Amino acid sequence: MAIYTYAKLTEEQLGKVRAFEEETDRRVLVLRSYNAQPDELGEEELEKLQDLEAELGYVILAVK
């Protein structure tokens, strides 16, 4: 399963992205793919993870 996260850019790469945004008047996101397999959680772990999601307001994936 491929998921995507923000790419870690060098200052040079970030400068090129910012130049593109300025030139085109567009906002872009630079993402990288991360291959992950979902991990199976026990009932108690799943409940704790769901509580943490609710507290933080974000989706959390458990991966291997």
N, C-alpha and C. Protein backbone atom coordinates (compact mmCIF):
# COMPACT_ATOMS: atom_id res chain seq x y z
N MET A 1 0.85 -1.17 0.00
CA MET A 1 0.00 0.00 0.00
C MET A 1 0.90 1.23 0.00
N ALA A 2 0.71 2.08 -0.95
CA ALA A 2 1.48 3.32 -1.01
C ALA A 2 0.69 4.43 -0.33
N ILE A 3 1.35 5.13 0.55
CA ILE A 3 0.77 6.33 1.15
C ILE A 3 1.74 7.47 0.86
N TYR A 4 1.31 8.67 1.05
CA TYR A 4 2.13 9.82 0.70
C TYR A 4 2.30 10.73 1.90
N THR A 5 3.50 11.28 2.01
CA THR A 5 3.82 12.22 3.07
C THR A 5 4.59 13.38 2.44
N TYR A 6 4.72 14.45 3.17
CA TYR A 6 5.47 15.59 2.64
C TYR A 6 6.92 15.19 2.38
N ALA A 7 7.44 15.65 1.25
CA ALA A 7 8.83 15.39 0.90
C ALA A 7 9.73 16.33 1.70
N LYS A 8 10.89 15.83 2.08
CA LYS A 8 11.88 16.68 2.76
C LYS A 8 12.77 17.27 1.66
N LEU A 9 12.66 18.56 1.45
CA LEU A 9 13.37 19.23 0.36
C LEU A 9 14.61 19.94 0.86
N THR A 10 15.59 20.01 -0.02
CA THR A 10 16.76 20.83 0.27
C THR A 10 16.35 22.29 0.06
N GLU A 11 17.17 23.20 0.53
CA GLU A 11 16.88 24.63 0.32
C GLU A 11 16.79 24.95 -1.17
N GLU A 12 17.65 24.34 -1.97
CA GLU A 12 17.63 24.57 -3.43
C GLU A 12 16.31 24.08 -4.03
N GLN A 13 15.89 22.88 -3.64
CA GLN A 13 14.64 22.33 -4.16
C GLN A 13 13.45 23.19 -3.72
N LEU A 14 13.46 23.61 -2.47
CA LEU A 14 12.39 24.44 -1.96
C LEU A 14 12.33 25.77 -2.71
N GLY A 15 13.48 26.32 -3.02
CA GLY A 15 13.53 27.56 -3.80
C GLY A 15 12.91 27.39 -5.17
N LYS A 16 13.14 26.25 -5.81
CA LYS A 16 12.56 25.98 -7.13
C LYS A 16 11.05 25.84 -7.04
N VAL A 17 10.57 25.20 -5.98
CA VAL A 17 9.13 25.06 -5.79
C VAL A 17 8.50 26.42 -5.55
N ARG A 18 9.13 27.23 -4.71
CA ARG A 18 8.60 28.58 -4.44
C ARG A 18 8.59 29.44 -5.70
N ALA A 19 9.63 29.30 -6.52
CA ALA A 19 9.68 30.06 -7.77
C ALA A 19 8.53 29.63 -8.69
N PHE A 20 8.27 28.34 -8.76
CA PHE A 20 7.15 27.85 -9.56
C PHE A 20 5.84 28.42 -9.05
N GLU A 21 5.65 28.41 -7.73
CA GLU A 21 4.41 28.93 -7.16
C GLU A 21 4.24 30.41 -7.47
N GLU A 22 5.31 31.15 -7.35
CA GLU A 22 5.24 32.59 -7.62
C GLU A 22 4.96 32.86 -9.09
N GLU A 23 5.63 32.11 -9.95
CA GLU A 23 5.48 32.31 -11.39
C GLU A 23 4.08 31.94 -11.87
N THR A 24 3.50 30.91 -11.30
CA THR A 24 2.21 30.41 -11.77
C THR A 24 1.03 30.85 -10.91
N ASP A 25 1.33 31.49 -9.78
CA ASP A 25 0.30 31.88 -8.82
C ASP A 25 -0.51 30.67 -8.36
N ARG A 26 0.19 29.56 -8.17
CA ARG A 26 -0.42 28.31 -7.70
C ARG A 26 0.26 27.85 -6.43
N ARG A 27 -0.49 27.20 -5.57
CA ARG A 27 0.07 26.56 -4.36
C ARG A 27 0.21 25.09 -4.69
N VAL A 28 1.37 24.51 -4.41
CA VAL A 28 1.58 23.09 -4.68
C VAL A 28 2.08 22.38 -3.41
N LEU A 29 1.83 21.09 -3.34
CA LEU A 29 2.36 20.24 -2.28
C LEU A 29 3.35 19.28 -2.91
N VAL A 30 4.49 19.09 -2.28
CA VAL A 30 5.49 18.14 -2.76
C VAL A 30 5.44 16.93 -1.84
N LEU A 31 5.07 15.79 -2.42
CA LEU A 31 4.87 14.58 -1.65
C LEU A 31 5.84 13.49 -2.09
N ARG A 32 6.12 12.57 -1.18
CA ARG A 32 6.90 11.40 -1.54
C ARG A 32 6.08 10.18 -1.17
N SER A 33 6.30 9.10 -1.91
CA SER A 33 5.56 7.89 -1.64
C SER A 33 6.27 7.08 -0.56
N TYR A 34 5.49 6.42 0.26
CA TYR A 34 6.00 5.59 1.34
C TYR A 34 5.25 4.26 1.26
N ASN A 35 5.99 3.20 0.97
CA ASN A 35 5.35 1.89 0.89
C ASN A 35 5.23 1.30 2.28
N ALA A 36 4.00 0.98 2.65
CA ALA A 36 3.75 0.48 4.00
C ALA A 36 2.69 -0.61 3.95
N GLN A 37 2.78 -1.48 4.90
CA GLN A 37 1.76 -2.51 5.08
C GLN A 37 1.02 -2.19 6.38
N PRO A 38 -0.30 -2.23 6.36
CA PRO A 38 -1.04 -1.97 7.59
C PRO A 38 -0.70 -3.02 8.64
N ASP A 39 -0.60 -2.59 9.86
CA ASP A 39 -0.32 -3.50 10.96
C ASP A 39 -1.64 -3.85 11.65
N GLU A 40 -1.73 -5.05 12.14
CA GLU A 40 -2.94 -5.47 12.85
C GLU A 40 -2.78 -5.14 14.33
N LEU A 41 -3.81 -4.51 14.87
CA LEU A 41 -3.80 -4.12 16.27
C LEU A 41 -4.79 -4.96 17.04
N GLY A 42 -4.45 -5.21 18.28
CA GLY A 42 -5.40 -5.86 19.18
C GLY A 42 -6.50 -4.88 19.54
N GLU A 43 -7.55 -5.39 20.15
CA GLU A 43 -8.71 -4.56 20.48
C GLU A 43 -8.33 -3.38 21.38
N GLU A 44 -7.51 -3.63 22.38
CA GLU A 44 -7.10 -2.57 23.30
C GLU A 44 -6.23 -1.53 22.59
N GLU A 45 -5.31 -2.00 21.75
CA GLU A 45 -4.44 -1.07 21.01
C GLU A 45 -5.27 -0.22 20.05
N LEU A 46 -6.23 -0.84 19.38
CA LEU A 46 -7.08 -0.11 18.45
C LEU A 46 -7.89 0.96 19.18
N GLU A 47 -8.40 0.62 20.34
CA GLU A 47 -9.16 1.59 21.12
C GLU A 47 -8.29 2.78 21.53
N LYS A 48 -7.05 2.49 21.96
CA LYS A 48 -6.12 3.57 22.33
C LYS A 48 -5.79 4.44 21.13
N LEU A 49 -5.61 3.82 19.97
CA LEU A 49 -5.30 4.57 18.75
C LEU A 49 -6.47 5.46 18.36
N GLN A 50 -7.67 4.93 18.45
CA GLN A 50 -8.85 5.72 18.12
C GLN A 50 -9.03 6.88 19.09
N ASP A 51 -8.73 6.66 20.36
CA ASP A 51 -8.78 7.75 21.34
C ASP A 51 -7.76 8.84 21.00
N LEU A 52 -6.57 8.42 20.59
CA LEU A 52 -5.53 9.38 20.21
C LEU A 52 -5.93 10.15 18.97
N GLU A 53 -6.53 9.47 17.99
CA GLU A 53 -7.03 10.16 16.80
C GLU A 53 -8.04 11.24 17.18
N ALA A 54 -8.97 10.87 18.05
CA ALA A 54 -10.01 11.82 18.48
C ALA A 54 -9.39 13.01 19.20
N GLU A 55 -8.41 12.74 20.04
CA GLU A 55 -7.76 13.80 20.80
C GLU A 55 -6.97 14.75 19.89
N LEU A 56 -6.24 14.19 18.91
CA LEU A 56 -5.40 15.00 18.04
C LEU A 56 -6.16 15.59 16.86
N GLY A 57 -7.26 14.94 16.47
CA GLY A 57 -8.02 15.41 15.32
C GLY A 57 -7.40 15.01 14.00
N TYR A 58 -6.62 13.95 13.99
CA TYR A 58 -5.97 13.46 12.77
C TYR A 58 -6.19 11.97 12.59
N VAL A 59 -6.05 11.51 11.36
CA VAL A 59 -6.09 10.08 11.08
C VAL A 59 -4.70 9.52 11.35
N ILE A 60 -4.63 8.39 12.05
CA ILE A 60 -3.36 7.76 12.38
C ILE A 60 -3.37 6.34 11.81
N LEU A 61 -2.33 6.00 11.08
CA LEU A 61 -2.19 4.66 10.51
C LEU A 61 -1.14 3.89 11.26
N ALA A 62 -1.43 2.65 11.62
CA ALA A 62 -0.42 1.76 12.20
C ALA A 62 0.15 0.91 11.06
N VAL A 63 1.45 1.02 10.83
CA VAL A 63 2.08 0.31 9.72
C VAL A 63 3.23 -0.54 10.22
N LYS A 64 3.55 -1.54 9.40
CA LYS A 64 4.69 -2.42 9.72
C LYS A 64 5.95 -1.79 9.21
